[in-house]
Amino acid sequence: MTENQKTIKKPVSFSGRGLHTGVEVKLTLAPAPENHGYQFVRTDLNDRPVIRAIAENVVETSRGTTLEENSVRVSTIEHVLAACIGCEIDNVLIELNGPEAPILDGSSKDYSEAIFKVGLTEQKIPRNVFRIEEKIEYRDDEHGIELIAYPDDKFSIDVKIDYNSKVLGFQYANLDDIKDFKKEIAPARTFVFLHELEFLLKNNLIKGGDLDNAIVIIDRKVSQDELDHLAKLFNKPRVKVQPEGILNNVKLNYSNEAARHKLLDLLGDFALVGHPLQGKIIATRPGHYANNQFARLIRSKIKKDKLKKKAPKYDVNKPMLDINEIRKILPHRYPFLMIDKILHLDSKSVVGVKNVTANEPFFQGHFPQEPVMPGVLQVEAMAQIGGILVLNTVPDPEHYANYFLKIDNVKFKKKVVPGDTLIIKADLLEPMRRGIAHMFGQVFVGDNLVSEGELMAQIVKEY
């Protein structure tokens, strides 16, 4: 049965210091309308700027997840977002009067308990669940990182970590039912190795850090003088190392608390997909950077699925740009200009036409008895139409060159033969950054999709 979207019943607030900035911050979760998703608002700045919680807005992942939109940032947002996911909130406005979410006890416990206490309101529109229908994979072999999403009839996560630490060892955590989040995952606190703590302190970070909001793992021999110095830095009484290799400042909530916290972080970073997920996630050594790259892969898949629904419908006799105007933008010439008309062009998408005739020079060898348009030339047509899209972002496109950087996930569905009219479409998958465009291209003949693929290109000014 389809569930409806939910929001929090009434505002609930939290106060505390930001982990890295040390700034005292008030954070409020407030009700939001249908299809609002997760959005942050900086109430301490003029005009109360909004930062959307989407994967493309992530700009920093080294010590937490930081979002930026229109030059406004909010950081260390993964714990509050994990609580929103874990409590099955679809729409919420997260107000902060500072640059960083409060760290509280280093987990999602306080957030989730407050949300459950206040309760949720069911809204009128169904949840927009994205169902994993084919394997989606992110790998970093150098660092032993792997995240895979598989089709399944529910949402679940398995996490495995191994940092070659005698203290932590190999750890495994799983969440089979999101309703177990509050009890099994939310109280899992962040952890830090002693050598990392020393680095952070020396680099003027973790100004809001406290020995009460992190599990400190001792991964080398330390003297009591060093521990006394550490206690003094954090304004704590004398501390010592427990037999299991952690400071005696906190008692573990779970024997595998580190793995559970990595699962918590993964949930928080998955909030940036923008949709609840249905599928099984298996993650090995996840971290904020890998989590974000994986979330971007899933968002790209969602966008492509939406774009695939139908072929674009335009009057081919009413072009926006004719062949002469196209020649002013693209440097390609016979026999390599693959676009005859542009039917639609805006800041995010472009649609054009290629008329395939029997006089195309490539048909002489491909193939004389059964002429078929080479797939590589269909990709080239997508790339050229993508070039029109990206060059449309500069006022003087004749002074720029468009360079093809990468193609991914190209698929050929049907043959293209003489007499076919190709309708070629390209859409930006994410906003352009530094002149680099990530696009999804499709080629149609009538209502039939004949080829598709992801393209990456860069525009460079030529002098």
Protein backbone atom coordinates (compact mmCIF):
# COMPACT_ATOMS: atom_id res chain seq x y z
CA MET A 1 0.00 0.00 0.00
CA THR A 2 1.33 3.44 -0.93
CA GLU A 3 2.25 5.64 2.03
CA ASN A 4 1.74 9.39 2.07
CA GLN A 5 4.41 11.96 2.78
CA LYS A 6 4.93 13.15 6.35
CA THR A 7 6.23 16.23 8.13
CA ILE A 8 6.88 17.04 11.76
CA LYS A 9 3.79 18.10 13.74
CA LYS A 10 5.28 21.23 15.27
CA PRO A 11 8.69 22.91 15.57
CA VAL A 12 11.27 21.41 17.90
CA SER A 13 14.60 23.07 18.74
CA PHE A 14 18.09 21.99 19.83
CA SER A 15 21.03 24.02 21.07
CA GLY A 16 24.70 23.17 21.20
CA ARG A 17 28.13 23.89 19.79
CA GLY A 18 29.25 23.10 16.27
CA LEU A 19 31.91 20.40 16.29
CA HIS A 20 34.51 22.24 14.21
CA THR A 21 33.53 25.91 14.54
CA GLY A 22 32.78 25.78 18.25
CA VAL A 23 29.97 28.27 17.59
CA GLU A 24 26.89 27.99 19.81
CA VAL A 25 24.00 27.21 17.47
CA LYS A 26 20.25 26.84 17.75
CA LEU A 27 18.72 24.39 15.26
CA THR A 28 14.96 24.08 14.73
CA LEU A 29 13.08 21.41 12.79
CA ALA A 30 9.89 22.98 11.43
CA PRO A 31 6.93 21.57 9.44
CA ALA A 32 7.14 21.92 5.65
CA PRO A 33 4.64 21.39 2.78
CA GLU A 34 4.40 18.43 0.42
CA ASN A 35 7.31 17.87 -2.00
CA HIS A 36 9.44 20.34 -0.02
CA GLY A 37 12.06 17.78 0.90
CA TYR A 38 14.90 18.75 3.25
CA GLN A 39 16.04 22.36 3.19
CA PHE A 40 18.27 24.35 5.52
CA VAL A 41 17.80 28.06 6.15
CA ARG A 42 20.43 30.32 7.75
CA THR A 43 18.36 32.55 10.01
CA ASP A 44 21.46 34.49 11.08
CA LEU A 45 22.05 35.91 7.60
CA ASN A 46 20.24 38.60 5.65
CA ASP A 47 17.31 37.38 3.55
CA ARG A 48 17.41 33.99 5.33
CA PRO A 49 19.16 32.11 2.48
CA VAL A 50 18.06 28.54 1.77
CA ILE A 51 20.43 25.64 1.11
CA ARG A 52 18.78 22.60 -0.47
CA ALA A 53 19.87 19.26 0.94
CA ILE A 54 20.82 17.60 -2.35
CA ALA A 55 23.98 15.71 -3.28
CA GLU A 56 25.08 18.26 -5.89
CA ASN A 57 25.34 20.95 -3.19
CA VAL A 58 28.01 19.05 -1.23
CA VAL A 59 31.32 20.94 -1.31
CA GLU A 60 33.29 19.36 1.55
CA THR A 61 33.41 15.84 2.99
CA SER A 62 36.70 15.61 4.88
CA ARG A 63 35.36 15.93 8.46
CA GLY A 64 31.62 15.76 7.88
CA THR A 65 29.26 16.78 5.11
CA THR A 66 29.09 20.46 4.11
CA LEU A 67 26.47 21.93 1.79
CA GLU A 68 26.77 25.18 -0.14
CA GLU A 69 24.29 27.06 -2.32
CA ASN A 70 24.68 30.61 -3.60
CA SER A 71 27.92 30.95 -1.57
CA VAL A 72 26.15 30.12 1.73
CA ARG A 73 27.27 27.06 3.68
CA VAL A 74 26.01 24.77 6.40
CA SER A 75 28.16 21.95 7.73
CA THR A 76 28.12 18.72 9.77
CA ILE A 77 24.53 18.07 8.74
CA GLU A 78 24.66 14.27 8.50
CA HIS A 79 23.41 13.46 12.03
CA VAL A 80 20.27 15.60 11.87
CA LEU A 81 19.49 14.32 8.37
CA ALA A 82 19.98 10.72 9.50
CA ALA A 83 17.36 11.37 12.19
CA CYS A 84 14.97 12.76 9.55
CA ILE A 85 15.43 9.66 7.39
CA GLY A 86 15.28 7.31 10.37
CA CYS A 87 12.05 8.89 11.64
CA GLU A 88 10.57 8.75 8.09
CA ILE A 89 10.14 12.51 7.67
CA ASP A 90 9.74 13.51 4.02
CA ASN A 91 9.48 17.29 4.34
CA VAL A 92 11.13 19.54 6.91
CA LEU A 93 12.65 23.01 7.15
CA ILE A 94 15.85 23.02 9.22
CA GLU A 95 16.56 26.47 10.62
CA LEU A 96 20.00 27.35 12.00
CA ASN A 97 21.36 30.59 13.40
CA GLY A 98 24.94 29.57 12.65
CA PRO A 99 27.15 27.80 10.10
CA GLU A 100 27.16 24.32 11.61
CA ALA A 101 24.62 21.93 13.12
CA PRO A 102 25.17 21.28 16.84
CA ILE A 103 27.11 18.08 17.51
CA LEU A 104 25.15 17.28 20.73
CA ASP A 105 26.41 13.87 21.93
CA GLY A 106 27.94 12.92 18.55
CA SER A 107 24.97 10.81 17.44
CA SER A 108 21.37 11.23 16.26
CA LYS A 109 19.86 10.19 19.58
CA ASP A 110 18.63 13.60 20.78
CA TYR A 111 17.26 14.48 17.33
CA SER A 112 15.35 11.23 16.89
CA GLU A 113 13.95 11.18 20.44
CA ALA A 114 12.61 14.72 20.06
CA ILE A 115 11.03 13.91 16.69
CA PHE A 116 9.29 10.83 18.09
CA LYS A 117 8.07 12.85 21.08
CA VAL A 118 6.59 15.62 18.90
CA GLY A 119 5.18 13.20 16.31
CA LEU A 120 4.52 13.42 12.59
CA THR A 121 1.64 14.65 10.45
CA GLU A 122 0.55 12.67 7.40
CA GLN A 123 0.22 14.76 4.27
CA LYS A 124 -2.01 14.32 1.22
CA ILE A 125 0.51 13.34 -1.46
CA PRO A 126 2.10 9.85 -1.78
CA ARG A 127 5.78 9.39 -0.92
CA ASN A 128 7.99 9.63 -3.99
CA VAL A 129 9.95 6.41 -3.38
CA PHE A 130 12.73 5.53 -5.80
CA ARG A 131 12.86 1.78 -6.32
CA ILE A 132 16.24 0.32 -7.22
CA GLU A 133 15.58 -1.79 -10.32
CA GLU A 134 19.15 -2.58 -11.35
CA LYS A 135 22.48 -2.71 -9.57
CA ILE A 136 24.08 0.68 -8.90
CA GLU A 137 27.72 0.55 -7.81
CA TYR A 138 30.48 2.86 -6.57
CA ARG A 139 34.00 1.52 -6.03
CA ASP A 140 37.32 2.92 -4.85
CA ASP A 141 39.66 -0.05 -5.09
CA GLU A 142 42.67 1.90 -3.81
CA HIS A 143 40.98 2.46 -0.44
CA GLY A 144 38.92 -0.73 -0.33
CA ILE A 145 35.62 1.16 -0.55
CA GLU A 146 32.54 -0.34 -2.18
CA LEU A 147 28.89 0.75 -2.12
CA ILE A 148 26.28 -1.27 -4.02
CA ALA A 149 22.51 -0.91 -4.27
CA TYR A 150 20.47 -3.97 -5.26
CA PRO A 151 16.75 -4.35 -6.05
CA ASP A 152 14.70 -5.50 -3.05
CA ASP A 153 11.13 -5.26 -1.78
CA LYS A 154 12.16 -3.04 1.17
CA PHE A 155 14.90 -0.64 2.28
CA SER A 156 17.83 -2.07 4.24
CA ILE A 157 21.53 -1.33 4.80
CA ASP A 158 24.52 -3.55 5.64
CA VAL A 159 27.81 -1.88 6.62
CA LYS A 160 31.23 -3.48 7.02
CA ILE A 161 34.32 -1.64 8.26
CA ASP A 162 37.94 -2.66 8.82
CA TYR A 163 40.60 -0.01 9.50
CA ASN A 164 43.43 -2.45 10.35
CA SER A 165 42.94 -1.50 13.98
CA LYS A 166 43.50 -4.04 16.74
CA VAL A 167 41.04 -2.09 18.88
CA LEU A 168 38.16 -1.93 16.40
CA GLY A 169 38.87 -5.06 14.39
CA PHE A 170 36.35 -6.01 11.71
CA GLN A 171 32.87 -4.69 12.47
CA TYR A 172 29.50 -5.26 10.84
CA ALA A 173 26.19 -3.44 11.34
CA ASN A 174 22.84 -3.69 9.62
CA LEU A 175 19.44 -2.04 9.56
CA ASP A 176 16.73 -4.32 8.17
CA ASP A 177 13.77 -2.14 9.15
CA ILE A 178 13.86 1.66 9.28
CA LYS A 179 11.56 1.51 12.32
CA ASP A 180 14.51 0.08 14.30
CA PHE A 181 16.58 3.23 13.70
CA LYS A 182 15.77 4.95 17.00
CA LYS A 183 16.85 1.98 19.10
CA GLU A 184 19.60 0.36 17.02
CA ILE A 185 21.36 3.18 15.13
CA ALA A 186 20.50 6.66 16.46
CA PRO A 187 22.53 6.38 19.72
CA ALA A 188 25.74 5.32 17.90
CA ARG A 189 28.29 8.09 18.46
CA THR A 190 31.06 9.30 16.21
CA PHE A 191 34.53 7.90 16.82
CA VAL A 192 38.02 9.25 16.29
CA PHE A 193 41.50 7.73 16.47
CA LEU A 194 43.97 9.46 18.77
CA HIS A 195 46.30 10.39 15.88
CA GLU A 196 43.35 12.03 14.09
CA LEU A 197 42.44 13.93 17.24
CA GLU A 198 45.97 15.30 17.52
CA PHE A 199 45.90 16.42 13.87
CA LEU A 200 42.53 18.14 14.27
CA LEU A 201 43.65 19.98 17.40
CA LYS A 202 46.88 21.17 15.78
CA ASN A 203 44.92 22.49 12.78
CA ASN A 204 42.53 24.52 14.91
CA LEU A 205 39.58 22.24 14.20
CA ILE A 206 37.07 20.53 16.54
CA LYS A 207 36.74 23.78 18.51
CA GLY A 208 33.41 22.42 19.74
CA GLY A 209 34.81 18.96 20.38
CA ASP A 210 34.36 17.36 23.74
CA LEU A 211 35.41 14.03 25.18
CA ASP A 212 31.72 13.45 25.87
CA ASN A 213 30.62 13.52 22.22
CA ALA A 214 33.08 11.09 20.63
CA ILE A 215 34.62 7.70 21.26
CA VAL A 216 38.40 8.19 21.30
CA ILE A 217 40.27 5.10 20.10
CA ILE A 218 43.88 4.75 21.27
CA ASP A 219 45.84 3.21 18.41
CA ARG A 220 49.36 3.60 19.84
CA LYS A 221 51.13 3.55 23.18
CA VAL A 222 50.60 6.76 25.15
CA SER A 223 51.97 8.03 28.42
CA GLN A 224 49.82 9.30 31.25
CA ASP A 225 51.39 12.75 30.73
CA GLU A 226 49.97 12.79 27.20
CA LEU A 227 46.56 11.77 28.49
CA ASP A 228 46.69 14.45 31.18
CA HIS A 229 47.51 17.03 28.51
CA LEU A 230 44.56 15.80 26.43
CA ALA A 231 42.23 16.03 29.42
CA LYS A 232 43.42 19.57 30.08
CA LEU A 233 42.74 20.62 26.48
CA PHE A 234 39.15 19.44 26.80
CA ASN A 235 38.76 20.74 30.37
CA LYS A 236 38.18 17.25 31.73
CA PRO A 237 39.37 15.38 34.82
CA ARG A 238 42.22 12.92 34.44
CA VAL A 239 41.53 10.24 31.80
CA LYS A 240 43.04 6.83 31.19
CA VAL A 241 42.96 4.09 28.56
CA GLN A 242 40.58 1.21 29.16
CA PRO A 243 41.66 -2.38 28.34
CA GLU A 244 39.72 -2.36 25.07
CA GLY A 245 41.80 0.58 23.82
CA ILE A 246 39.42 3.50 24.26
CA LEU A 247 39.41 6.39 26.70
CA ASN A 248 37.36 5.96 29.85
CA ASN A 249 35.42 9.15 29.04
CA VAL A 250 32.45 7.21 27.61
CA LYS A 251 30.90 3.78 27.85
CA LEU A 252 30.17 2.03 24.56
CA ASN A 253 26.48 1.81 23.70
CA TYR A 254 27.16 -1.18 21.42
CA SER A 255 30.10 -3.49 20.91
CA ASN A 256 30.02 -2.50 17.20
CA GLU A 257 29.25 1.17 17.78
CA ALA A 258 31.76 2.35 15.16
CA ALA A 259 30.08 0.33 12.39
CA ARG A 260 26.65 1.51 13.52
CA HIS A 261 27.81 5.12 13.41
CA LYS A 262 29.12 4.62 9.86
CA LEU A 263 25.66 3.31 8.99
CA LEU A 264 24.15 6.42 10.62
CA ASP A 265 26.42 8.69 8.55
CA LEU A 266 25.49 6.77 5.41
CA LEU A 267 21.79 7.32 6.13
CA GLY A 268 22.39 11.03 6.64
CA ASP A 269 24.29 11.33 3.38
CA PHE A 270 21.59 9.30 1.58
CA ALA A 271 19.09 11.99 2.61
CA LEU A 272 20.76 14.04 -0.14
CA VAL A 273 19.32 11.70 -2.78
CA GLY A 274 16.07 13.61 -2.28
CA HIS A 275 13.85 10.50 -2.33
CA PRO A 276 13.16 7.62 0.04
CA LEU A 277 14.78 4.47 -1.35
CA GLN A 278 13.58 0.92 -1.80
CA GLY A 279 16.44 -1.51 -2.19
CA LYS A 280 19.29 -3.22 -0.37
CA ILE A 281 22.46 -1.22 0.24
CA ILE A 282 25.73 -3.03 1.01
CA ALA A 283 28.58 -0.73 2.01
CA THR A 284 32.21 -1.60 2.72
CA ARG A 285 34.29 1.10 4.45
CA PRO A 286 31.87 3.93 3.61
CA GLY A 287 32.84 7.56 4.24
CA HIS A 288 31.32 10.94 3.48
CA TYR A 289 33.08 11.36 0.12
CA ALA A 290 32.11 7.90 -1.13
CA ASN A 291 28.60 8.30 0.28
CA ASN A 292 28.16 11.53 -1.65
CA GLN A 293 29.49 10.07 -4.90
CA PHE A 294 27.08 7.15 -4.50
CA ALA A 295 24.17 9.52 -3.75
CA ARG A 296 25.05 11.44 -6.94
CA LEU A 297 25.00 8.20 -8.93
CA ILE A 298 21.52 7.40 -7.61
CA ARG A 299 20.27 10.94 -8.32
CA SER A 300 21.67 10.68 -11.85
CA LYS A 301 19.78 7.41 -12.30
CA ILE A 302 16.55 9.02 -11.02
CA LYS A 303 16.93 11.96 -13.41
CA LYS A 304 17.63 9.68 -16.37
CA ASP A 305 14.60 7.53 -15.57
CA LYS A 306 12.40 10.63 -15.56
CA LEU A 307 13.83 11.79 -18.88
CA LYS A 308 13.26 8.40 -20.52
CA LYS A 309 9.49 8.46 -20.24
CA LYS A 310 8.72 9.74 -23.71
CA ALA A 311 10.23 11.11 -26.90
CA PRO A 312 10.19 14.92 -27.21
CA LYS A 313 7.44 16.34 -29.45
CA TYR A 314 8.30 19.39 -31.55
CA ASP A 315 7.39 20.73 -34.97
CA VAL A 316 10.46 19.96 -37.05
CA ASN A 317 9.43 22.68 -39.49
CA LYS A 318 9.79 25.43 -36.85
CA PRO A 319 13.45 25.37 -35.79
CA MET A 320 14.96 27.75 -33.24
CA LEU A 321 18.30 27.53 -35.08
CA ASP A 322 18.83 26.50 -38.68
CA ILE A 323 21.97 24.95 -40.16
CA ASN A 324 23.61 28.32 -40.84
CA GLU A 325 23.11 29.44 -37.25
CA ILE A 326 24.41 26.11 -35.98
CA ARG A 327 27.57 26.57 -38.06
CA LYS A 328 28.19 29.87 -36.27
CA ILE A 329 28.28 28.03 -32.92
CA LEU A 330 29.89 24.66 -33.72
CA PRO A 331 33.23 24.40 -35.58
CA HIS A 332 32.29 21.04 -37.20
CA ARG A 333 32.01 20.87 -40.98
CA TYR A 334 31.36 18.23 -43.68
CA PRO A 335 31.44 15.32 -43.27
CA PHE A 336 31.33 15.62 -39.49
CA LEU A 337 28.52 18.05 -38.69
CA MET A 338 25.77 15.83 -37.27
CA ILE A 339 23.07 18.42 -36.46
CA ASP A 340 20.70 19.96 -39.03
CA LYS A 341 18.29 21.95 -36.81
CA ILE A 342 17.77 22.99 -33.21
CA LEU A 343 14.12 22.71 -32.13
CA HIS A 344 14.44 23.65 -28.47
CA LEU A 345 17.10 25.29 -26.32
CA ASP A 346 17.06 26.52 -22.73
CA SER A 347 19.49 26.58 -19.80
CA LYS A 348 19.02 22.88 -18.97
CA SER A 349 18.11 21.04 -22.19
CA VAL A 350 18.39 21.06 -25.97
CA VAL A 351 16.61 19.17 -28.76
CA GLY A 352 17.82 18.92 -32.34
CA VAL A 353 17.37 17.02 -35.60
CA LYS A 354 19.64 14.96 -37.81
CA ASN A 355 18.21 13.78 -41.12
CA VAL A 356 19.91 10.54 -42.13
CA THR A 357 20.06 10.13 -45.91
CA ALA A 358 21.45 7.42 -48.15
CA ASN A 359 24.10 9.93 -49.29
CA GLU A 360 25.93 9.88 -45.91
CA PRO A 361 29.57 9.02 -46.70
CA PHE A 362 29.85 6.46 -43.89
CA PHE A 363 27.24 4.20 -45.56
CA GLN A 364 29.77 3.34 -48.27
CA GLY A 365 31.60 1.11 -45.81
CA HIS A 366 29.03 0.57 -43.02
CA PHE A 367 27.65 -1.48 -44.67
CA PRO A 368 27.20 -1.50 -48.48
CA GLN A 369 24.58 -4.29 -48.46
CA GLU A 370 22.85 -3.22 -45.24
CA PRO A 371 23.54 0.45 -44.43
CA VAL A 372 23.53 1.18 -40.68
CA MET A 373 24.55 4.43 -38.98
CA PRO A 374 27.53 3.67 -36.70
CA GLY A 375 26.79 3.92 -33.01
CA VAL A 376 29.87 6.08 -32.47
CA LEU A 377 28.37 8.71 -34.80
CA GLN A 378 25.12 8.66 -32.84
CA VAL A 379 27.22 9.41 -29.75
CA GLU A 380 28.96 12.18 -31.70
CA ALA A 381 25.55 13.66 -32.58
CA MET A 382 24.65 13.64 -28.86
CA ALA A 383 27.98 15.30 -28.08
CA GLN A 384 27.45 18.01 -30.71
CA ILE A 385 23.96 18.80 -29.48
CA GLY A 386 25.38 18.89 -25.96
CA GLY A 387 27.93 21.36 -27.29
CA ILE A 388 25.12 23.65 -28.39
CA LEU A 389 23.70 23.43 -24.84
CA VAL A 390 26.93 24.29 -23.02
CA LEU A 391 28.04 26.95 -25.49
CA ASN A 392 24.67 28.61 -24.97
CA THR A 393 25.89 29.54 -21.46
CA VAL A 394 28.48 32.04 -22.79
CA PRO A 395 27.73 35.31 -24.64
CA ASP A 396 30.34 34.75 -27.37
CA PRO A 397 30.30 31.00 -28.21
CA GLU A 398 32.33 31.55 -31.38
CA HIS A 399 35.36 32.18 -29.13
CA TYR A 400 35.00 28.92 -27.22
CA ALA A 401 35.78 25.28 -27.96
CA ASN A 402 33.76 22.38 -26.58
CA TYR A 403 35.86 19.35 -25.61
CA PHE A 404 34.39 15.89 -25.09
CA LEU A 405 35.81 14.50 -21.79
CA LYS A 406 34.00 11.27 -21.08
CA ILE A 407 31.15 8.94 -22.07
CA ASP A 408 29.47 6.45 -19.75
CA ASN A 409 26.65 3.94 -19.81
CA VAL A 410 26.07 4.14 -23.57
CA LYS A 411 23.37 1.82 -24.87
CA PHE A 412 22.17 1.15 -28.41
CA LYS A 413 18.55 -0.01 -28.66
CA LYS A 414 17.70 -0.08 -32.40
CA LYS A 415 19.37 0.31 -35.77
CA VAL A 416 19.46 3.70 -37.51
CA VAL A 417 19.12 3.41 -41.31
CA PRO A 418 18.81 5.75 -44.30
CA GLY A 419 15.54 7.71 -44.24
CA ASP A 420 15.41 7.98 -40.43
CA THR A 421 14.97 11.37 -38.80
CA LEU A 422 16.85 11.50 -35.51
CA ILE A 423 15.44 13.60 -32.68
CA ILE A 424 18.41 14.17 -30.37
CA LYS A 425 17.99 15.42 -26.82
CA ALA A 426 20.53 16.37 -24.14
CA ASP A 427 19.76 17.37 -20.55
CA LEU A 428 22.08 18.63 -17.83
CA LEU A 429 22.23 16.10 -14.98
CA GLU A 430 23.63 18.70 -12.58
CA PRO A 431 24.54 22.40 -12.70
CA MET A 432 27.65 23.27 -14.70
CA ARG A 433 30.77 23.90 -12.60
CA ARG A 434 33.98 25.46 -13.93
CA GLY A 435 32.79 25.04 -17.50
CA ILE A 436 32.24 21.28 -17.10
CA ALA A 437 28.84 19.86 -18.06
CA HIS A 438 27.51 16.42 -17.12
CA MET A 439 24.68 15.54 -19.53
CA PHE A 440 22.35 12.73 -20.45
CA GLY A 441 21.84 12.29 -24.17
CA GLN A 442 19.12 10.39 -26.02
CA VAL A 443 18.42 9.70 -29.68
CA PHE A 444 14.89 8.90 -30.90
CA VAL A 445 13.41 7.81 -34.20
CA GLY A 446 9.71 8.59 -33.92
CA ASP A 447 8.66 7.34 -30.48
CA ASN A 448 11.47 4.78 -30.29
CA LEU A 449 14.61 5.34 -28.25
CA VAL A 450 17.53 4.16 -30.40
CA SER A 451 20.52 5.14 -28.21
CA GLU A 452 21.41 6.90 -24.96
CA GLY A 453 24.41 7.73 -22.82
CA GLU A 454 25.98 10.05 -20.25
CA LEU A 455 28.34 12.68 -21.62
CA MET A 456 30.83 15.01 -19.98
CA ALA A 457 32.21 18.01 -21.80
CA GLN A 458 34.16 21.17 -21.03
CA ILE A 459 34.11 24.55 -22.71
CA VAL A 460 37.44 26.37 -22.99
CA LYS A 461 37.99 29.88 -24.30
CA GLU A 462 40.27 30.02 -27.31
CA TYR A 463 42.48 33.03 -27.83
